[in-house]
Amino acid sequence: METGRKSGFVALLGRPNVGKSTLLNRILGARIAIVTSKPQTTRDRIAGIYTDPRGQIIFLDSPGIHHPKRALNEYMVRTAERIAGEADVVVHIVDDRPQVSGEEENLV
């Protein structure tokens, strides 16, 4: 039976502390992701689902893209890369810092 409902995955990507988790919380109208001023607070994928009569959008919050110096940081960057690969749409969130990092450029 065809219901006509649609769904899709949207990845939220960007540097640490550009507002990915804040945007997710604002879109969903709920505190789904932890928001702090500390970089790398998000360490794994966080999914939030927006639903309306036309369908669902599954938003995937990701760790910030940065130059990894430790194993945990490498894991976090790989997680962001996996999230980008799983998404139907990638939203690259930027702030007012002057340049895009090499890691961001490669991922985009």
C-alpha atoms as a PDB file:
ATOM      1  CA  MET A   1       0.000   0.000   0.000  1.00  0.00           C
ATOM      2  CA  GLU A   2       1.504   3.343  -1.078  1.00  0.00           C
ATOM      3  CA  THR A   3       1.019   6.057   1.528  1.00  0.00           C
ATOM      4  CA  GLY A   4       2.869   8.804  -0.315  1.00  0.00           C
ATOM      5  CA  ARG A   5       5.081   9.513   2.704  1.00  0.00           C
ATOM      6  CA  LYS A   6       8.663  10.423   2.047  1.00  0.00           C
ATOM      7  CA  SER A   7      11.771  10.540   4.210  1.00  0.00           C
ATOM      8  CA  GLY A   8      15.376  11.583   3.859  1.00  0.00           C
ATOM      9  CA  PHE A   9      18.619  12.000   5.778  1.00  0.00           C
ATOM     10  CA  VAL A  10      20.276  15.399   6.271  1.00  0.00           C
ATOM     11  CA  ALA A  11      23.841  15.569   7.645  1.00  0.00           C
ATOM     12  CA  LEU A  12      24.882  18.651   9.629  1.00  0.00           C
ATOM     13  CA  LEU A  13      28.634  19.116   9.097  1.00  0.00           C
ATOM     14  CA  GLY A  14      31.181  21.793   9.972  1.00  0.00           C
ATOM     15  CA  ARG A  15      34.010  22.728  12.298  1.00  0.00           C
ATOM     16  CA  PRO A  16      33.733  22.278  16.052  1.00  0.00           C
ATOM     17  CA  ASN A  17      31.493  24.895  17.700  1.00  0.00           C
ATOM     18  CA  VAL A  18      29.867  26.317  14.551  1.00  0.00           C
ATOM     19  CA  GLY A  19      26.372  25.578  15.853  1.00  0.00           C
ATOM     20  CA  LYS A  20      25.467  22.169  14.414  1.00  0.00           C
ATOM     21  CA  SER A  21      23.899  20.903  17.638  1.00  0.00           C
ATOM     22  CA  THR A  22      22.219  24.249  18.313  1.00  0.00           C
ATOM     23  CA  LEU A  23      20.676  24.176  14.832  1.00  0.00           C
ATOM     24  CA  LEU A  24      19.451  20.600  15.340  1.00  0.00           C
ATOM     25  CA  ASN A  25      17.826  21.535  18.652  1.00  0.00           C
ATOM     26  CA  ARG A  26      16.219  24.639  17.131  1.00  0.00           C
ATOM     27  CA  ILE A  27      14.799  22.774  14.113  1.00  0.00           C
ATOM     28  CA  LEU A  28      13.304  20.059  16.305  1.00  0.00           C
ATOM     29  CA  GLY A  29      12.157  22.392  19.075  1.00  0.00           C
ATOM     30  CA  ALA A  30      13.725  20.145  21.710  1.00  0.00           C
ATOM     31  CA  ARG A  31      17.054  19.607  23.441  1.00  0.00           C
ATOM     32  CA  ILE A  32      18.235  16.556  21.506  1.00  0.00           C
ATOM     33  CA  ALA A  33      21.956  17.375  21.407  1.00  0.00           C
ATOM     34  CA  ILE A  34      24.148  18.726  24.194  1.00  0.00           C
ATOM     35  CA  VAL A  35      25.331  22.288  23.536  1.00  0.00           C
ATOM     36  CA  THR A  36      28.397  23.720  25.300  1.00  0.00           C
ATOM     37  CA  SER A  37      31.170  26.164  24.501  1.00  0.00           C
ATOM     38  CA  LYS A  38      33.668  23.278  24.728  1.00  0.00           C
ATOM     39  CA  PRO A  39      34.857  22.014  21.309  1.00  0.00           C
ATOM     40  CA  GLN A  40      34.232  18.345  20.460  1.00  0.00           C
ATOM     41  CA  THR A  41      31.259  17.960  22.798  1.00  0.00           C
ATOM     42  CA  THR A  42      29.510  15.878  20.123  1.00  0.00           C
ATOM     43  CA  ARG A  43      31.596  12.736  19.745  1.00  0.00           C
ATOM     44  CA  ASP A  44      29.237  10.461  17.843  1.00  0.00           C
ATOM     45  CA  ARG A  45      26.229  10.702  15.554  1.00  0.00           C
ATOM     46  CA  ILE A  46      23.073  12.162  17.059  1.00  0.00           C
ATOM     47  CA  ALA A  47      19.854  11.639  15.127  1.00  0.00           C
ATOM     48  CA  GLY A  48      16.768  13.785  15.425  1.00  0.00           C
ATOM     49  CA  ILE A  49      13.596  13.273  13.418  1.00  0.00           C
ATOM     50  CA  TYR A  50      11.416  16.093  12.112  1.00  0.00           C
ATOM     51  CA  THR A  51       7.944  14.886  11.124  1.00  0.00           C
ATOM     52  CA  ASP A  52       5.104  16.619   9.342  1.00  0.00           C
ATOM     53  CA  PRO A  53       2.207  15.340   7.206  1.00  0.00           C
ATOM     54  CA  ARG A  54       4.404  15.241   4.085  1.00  0.00           C
ATOM     55  CA  GLY A  55       7.061  12.968   5.586  1.00  0.00           C
ATOM     56  CA  GLN A  56      10.108  12.851   7.817  1.00  0.00           C
ATOM     57  CA  ILE A  57      13.564  14.374   7.774  1.00  0.00           C
ATOM     58  CA  ILE A  58      16.174  12.540   9.820  1.00  0.00           C
ATOM     59  CA  PHE A  59      18.815  15.081  10.841  1.00  0.00           C
ATOM     60  CA  LEU A  60      22.256  13.668  11.678  1.00  0.00           C
ATOM     61  CA  ASP A  61      24.366  15.869  13.938  1.00  0.00           C
ATOM     62  CA  SER A  62      28.078  15.139  13.621  1.00  0.00           C
ATOM     63  CA  PRO A  63      31.309  15.753  15.493  1.00  0.00           C
ATOM     64  CA  GLY A  64      33.190  18.822  14.302  1.00  0.00           C
ATOM     65  CA  ILE A  65      35.584  18.414  11.394  1.00  0.00           C
ATOM     66  CA  HIS A  66      39.106  19.250  12.508  1.00  0.00           C
ATOM     67  CA  HIS A  67      42.713  18.116  12.218  1.00  0.00           C
ATOM     68  CA  PRO A  68      42.882  15.054  14.495  1.00  0.00           C
ATOM     69  CA  LYS A  69      45.801  14.747  16.904  1.00  0.00           C
ATOM     70  CA  ARG A  70      44.645  11.758  18.966  1.00  0.00           C
ATOM     71  CA  ALA A  71      42.852   8.476  18.338  1.00  0.00           C
ATOM     72  CA  LEU A  72      39.572   9.814  19.741  1.00  0.00           C
ATOM     73  CA  ASN A  73      39.771  12.815  17.408  1.00  0.00           C
ATOM     74  CA  GLU A  74      40.473  10.525  14.433  1.00  0.00           C
ATOM     75  CA  TYR A  75      37.393   8.488  15.368  1.00  0.00           C
ATOM     76  CA  MET A  76      35.299  11.656  15.510  1.00  0.00           C
ATOM     77  CA  VAL A  77      36.438  12.859  12.072  1.00  0.00           C
ATOM     78  CA  ARG A  78      35.788   9.389  10.582  1.00  0.00           C
ATOM     79  CA  THR A  79      32.324   9.505  12.149  1.00  0.00           C
ATOM     80  CA  ALA A  80      31.624  12.832  10.420  1.00  0.00           C
ATOM     81  CA  GLU A  81      32.813  11.329   7.123  1.00  0.00           C
ATOM     82  CA  ARG A  82      30.498   8.319   7.563  1.00  0.00           C
ATOM     83  CA  ILE A  83      27.574  10.595   8.353  1.00  0.00           C
ATOM     84  CA  ALA A  84      28.221  12.578   5.160  1.00  0.00           C
ATOM     85  CA  GLY A  85      28.224   9.338   3.180  1.00  0.00           C
ATOM     86  CA  GLU A  86      24.904   8.183   4.676  1.00  0.00           C
ATOM     87  CA  ALA A  87      23.030  11.413   3.994  1.00  0.00           C
ATOM     88  CA  ASP A  88      20.803  12.379   1.098  1.00  0.00           C
ATOM     89  CA  VAL A  89      21.671  16.047   1.723  1.00  0.00           C
ATOM     90  CA  VAL A  90      24.711  17.568   3.445  1.00  0.00           C
ATOM     91  CA  VAL A  91      24.365  20.959   5.132  1.00  0.00           C
ATOM     92  CA  HIS A  92      27.816  22.487   5.621  1.00  0.00           C
ATOM     93  CA  ILE A  93      27.547  24.945   8.497  1.00  0.00           C
ATOM     94  CA  VAL A  94      30.115  27.728   8.673  1.00  0.00           C
ATOM     95  CA  ASP A  95      30.745  30.644  10.967  1.00  0.00           C
ATOM     96  CA  ASP A  96      32.632  33.904  10.552  1.00  0.00           C
ATOM     97  CA  ARG A  97      36.110  32.400  10.829  1.00  0.00           C
ATOM     98  CA  PRO A  98      38.143  33.466   7.801  1.00  0.00           C
ATOM     99  CA  GLN A  99      38.964  30.172   6.101  1.00  0.00           C
ATOM    100  CA  VAL A 100      37.761  26.644   5.528  1.00  0.00           C
ATOM    101  CA  SER A 101      40.046  23.951   6.949  1.00  0.00           C
ATOM    102  CA  GLY A 102      41.633  21.317   4.714  1.00  0.00           C
ATOM    103  CA  GLU A 103      39.569  18.618   6.415  1.00  0.00           C
ATOM    104  CA  GLU A 104      36.357  20.524   5.679  1.00  0.00           C
ATOM    105  CA  GLU A 105      37.343  21.117   2.065  1.00  0.00           C
ATOM    106  CA  ASN A 106      38.129  17.424   1.503  1.00  0.00           C
ATOM    107  CA  LEU A 107      34.845  16.336   3.027  1.00  0.00           C
ATOM    108  CA  VAL A 108      32.745  18.828   1.100  1.00  0.00           C
END
